[in-house]
Amino acid sequence: MPYDQVVAQLNTDFNPLTAFIALEGPLGADIQNLLEVTGIQQDLLDPVLGLVGTLGGLVTS
């Protein structure tokens, strides 16, 4: 079998990006749900990121 056909078949059978997307999507949703349910996002992350954004605005302006 020619090399290009072997590579094409490997790309069809195993695509690491597809595997990553299949894993990352549900994992990201689970982390987001955990942050929302526990209140970590509202109580800790949002104020910290808001402060970082404000300070970044001072530096870049």
N, C-alpha and C. Protein backbone atom coordinates (compact mmCIF):
# COMPACT_ATOMS: atom_id res chain seq x y z
N MET A 1 0.86 -1.17 0.00
CA MET A 1 0.00 0.00 0.00
C MET A 1 0.91 1.24 0.00
N PRO A 2 0.64 2.22 -0.85
CA PRO A 2 1.46 3.45 -0.89
C PRO A 2 1.34 4.24 0.42
N TYR A 3 2.39 4.98 0.70
CA TYR A 3 2.49 5.74 1.95
C TYR A 3 1.32 6.69 2.15
N ASP A 4 0.93 7.42 1.09
CA ASP A 4 -0.14 8.40 1.25
C ASP A 4 -1.47 7.74 1.59
N GLN A 5 -1.70 6.53 1.12
CA GLN A 5 -2.92 5.82 1.47
C GLN A 5 -2.89 5.35 2.92
N VAL A 6 -1.70 4.95 3.38
CA VAL A 6 -1.56 4.53 4.78
C VAL A 6 -1.83 5.73 5.70
N VAL A 7 -1.24 6.86 5.37
CA VAL A 7 -1.44 8.07 6.19
C VAL A 7 -2.89 8.50 6.17
N ALA A 8 -3.52 8.47 5.01
CA ALA A 8 -4.93 8.84 4.91
C ALA A 8 -5.79 7.91 5.75
N GLN A 9 -5.50 6.64 5.73
CA GLN A 9 -6.27 5.68 6.53
C GLN A 9 -6.05 5.90 8.02
N LEU A 10 -4.80 6.18 8.42
CA LEU A 10 -4.52 6.47 9.83
C LEU A 10 -5.25 7.72 10.28
N ASN A 11 -5.27 8.75 9.45
CA ASN A 11 -5.98 9.98 9.79
C ASN A 11 -7.48 9.73 9.92
N THR A 12 -8.00 8.85 9.12
CA THR A 12 -9.42 8.52 9.20
C THR A 12 -9.73 7.72 10.46
N ASP A 13 -8.86 6.76 10.78
CA ASP A 13 -9.11 5.88 11.92
C ASP A 13 -8.81 6.53 13.26
N PHE A 14 -7.79 7.36 13.31
CA PHE A 14 -7.40 7.98 14.58
C PHE A 14 -7.08 9.44 14.36
N ASN A 15 -7.94 10.28 14.89
CA ASN A 15 -7.72 11.73 14.82
C ASN A 15 -7.60 12.24 16.25
N PRO A 16 -6.41 12.65 16.67
CA PRO A 16 -6.24 13.08 18.06
C PRO A 16 -7.08 14.29 18.43
N LEU A 17 -7.36 15.16 17.47
CA LEU A 17 -8.20 16.33 17.77
C LEU A 17 -9.63 15.91 18.09
N THR A 18 -10.14 14.95 17.36
CA THR A 18 -11.48 14.45 17.64
C THR A 18 -11.53 13.79 19.01
N ALA A 19 -10.51 13.03 19.34
CA ALA A 19 -10.45 12.38 20.66
C ALA A 19 -10.38 13.43 21.76
N PHE A 20 -9.59 14.49 21.56
CA PHE A 20 -9.48 15.55 22.56
C PHE A 20 -10.80 16.27 22.75
N ILE A 21 -11.48 16.58 21.65
CA ILE A 21 -12.76 17.29 21.74
C ILE A 21 -13.80 16.42 22.45
N ALA A 22 -13.80 15.13 22.17
CA ALA A 22 -14.75 14.23 22.82
C ALA A 22 -14.51 14.16 24.32
N LEU A 23 -13.28 14.31 24.76
CA LEU A 23 -12.95 14.27 26.18
C LEU A 23 -13.11 15.63 26.84
N GLU A 24 -12.68 16.68 26.15
CA GLU A 24 -12.63 18.01 26.74
C GLU A 24 -14.02 18.61 26.93
N GLY A 25 -14.93 18.36 26.01
CA GLY A 25 -16.27 18.95 26.09
C GLY A 25 -16.99 18.60 27.37
N PRO A 26 -17.19 17.31 27.64
CA PRO A 26 -17.88 16.94 28.88
C PRO A 26 -17.11 17.32 30.14
N LEU A 27 -15.79 17.23 30.09
CA LEU A 27 -14.98 17.60 31.26
C LEU A 27 -15.11 19.09 31.56
N GLY A 28 -15.06 19.91 30.54
CA GLY A 28 -15.23 21.36 30.74
C GLY A 28 -16.60 21.70 31.29
N ALA A 29 -17.62 21.02 30.80
CA ALA A 29 -18.98 21.25 31.30
C ALA A 29 -19.09 20.83 32.76
N ASP A 30 -18.46 19.72 33.13
CA ASP A 30 -18.50 19.27 34.52
C ASP A 30 -17.79 20.25 35.44
N ILE A 31 -16.67 20.78 35.01
CA ILE A 31 -15.95 21.77 35.83
C ILE A 31 -16.78 23.03 35.98
N GLN A 32 -17.40 23.49 34.89
CA GLN A 32 -18.24 24.68 34.96
C GLN A 32 -19.41 24.46 35.92
N ASN A 33 -20.05 23.30 35.84
CA ASN A 33 -21.16 22.99 36.75
C ASN A 33 -20.69 22.97 38.20
N LEU A 34 -19.52 22.40 38.45
CA LEU A 34 -18.98 22.36 39.81
C LEU A 34 -18.73 23.76 40.35
N LEU A 35 -18.16 24.63 39.51
CA LEU A 35 -17.90 26.00 39.94
C LEU A 35 -19.19 26.75 40.23
N GLU A 36 -20.21 26.52 39.44
CA GLU A 36 -21.48 27.20 39.65
C GLU A 36 -22.21 26.68 40.88
N VAL A 37 -22.23 25.36 41.07
CA VAL A 37 -22.95 24.76 42.20
C VAL A 37 -22.30 25.13 43.52
N THR A 38 -20.98 25.12 43.58
CA THR A 38 -20.29 25.41 44.84
C THR A 38 -20.18 26.90 45.12
N GLY A 39 -20.42 27.74 44.12
CA GLY A 39 -20.32 29.19 44.31
C GLY A 39 -18.91 29.71 44.21
N ILE A 40 -17.96 28.87 43.86
CA ILE A 40 -16.57 29.30 43.75
C ILE A 40 -16.42 30.37 42.68
N GLN A 41 -17.12 30.19 41.58
CA GLN A 41 -16.98 31.15 40.48
C GLN A 41 -17.46 32.54 40.91
N GLN A 42 -18.63 32.62 41.53
CA GLN A 42 -19.17 33.91 41.91
C GLN A 42 -18.40 34.53 43.08
N ASP A 43 -18.00 33.72 44.03
CA ASP A 43 -17.38 34.24 45.25
C ASP A 43 -15.89 34.51 45.12
N LEU A 44 -15.19 33.76 44.28
CA LEU A 44 -13.74 33.87 44.22
C LEU A 44 -13.21 34.26 42.85
N LEU A 45 -13.61 33.52 41.83
CA LEU A 45 -13.02 33.74 40.51
C LEU A 45 -13.46 35.05 39.87
N ASP A 46 -14.77 35.37 39.92
CA ASP A 46 -15.24 36.59 39.28
C ASP A 46 -14.60 37.85 39.86
N PRO A 47 -14.52 38.01 41.19
CA PRO A 47 -13.84 39.21 41.72
C PRO A 47 -12.36 39.28 41.37
N VAL A 48 -11.68 38.14 41.42
CA VAL A 48 -10.25 38.12 41.10
C VAL A 48 -10.03 38.48 39.64
N LEU A 49 -10.81 37.88 38.74
CA LEU A 49 -10.66 38.18 37.32
C LEU A 49 -11.09 39.61 37.01
N GLY A 50 -12.07 40.13 37.72
CA GLY A 50 -12.46 41.53 37.55
C GLY A 50 -11.33 42.47 37.96
N LEU A 51 -10.63 42.16 39.04
CA LEU A 51 -9.51 42.97 39.48
C LEU A 51 -8.36 42.89 38.49
N VAL A 52 -8.08 41.71 37.99
CA VAL A 52 -7.02 41.54 36.99
C VAL A 52 -7.36 42.33 35.73
N GLY A 53 -8.62 42.29 35.32
CA GLY A 53 -9.03 43.05 34.14
C GLY A 53 -8.88 44.53 34.34
N THR A 54 -9.23 45.02 35.51
CA THR A 54 -9.10 46.44 35.82
C THR A 54 -7.64 46.86 35.84
N LEU A 55 -6.79 46.09 36.49
CA LEU A 55 -5.38 46.42 36.53
C LEU A 55 -4.75 46.34 35.15
N GLY A 56 -5.18 45.36 34.36
CA GLY A 56 -4.68 45.26 33.00
C GLY A 56 -5.08 46.45 32.16
N GLY A 57 -6.28 46.96 32.40
CA GLY A 57 -6.73 48.15 31.69
C GLY A 57 -5.91 49.37 32.05
N LEU A 58 -5.50 49.48 33.30
CA LEU A 58 -4.65 50.61 33.72
C LEU A 58 -3.29 50.56 33.04
N VAL A 59 -2.75 49.37 32.91
CA VAL A 59 -1.42 49.21 32.34
C VAL A 59 -1.44 49.45 30.84
N THR A 60 -2.49 48.98 30.17
CA THR A 60 -2.52 49.09 28.71
C THR A 60 -3.08 50.41 28.22
N SER A 61 -3.69 51.20 29.08
CA SER A 61 -4.27 52.47 28.65
C SER A 61 -3.25 53.57 28.59
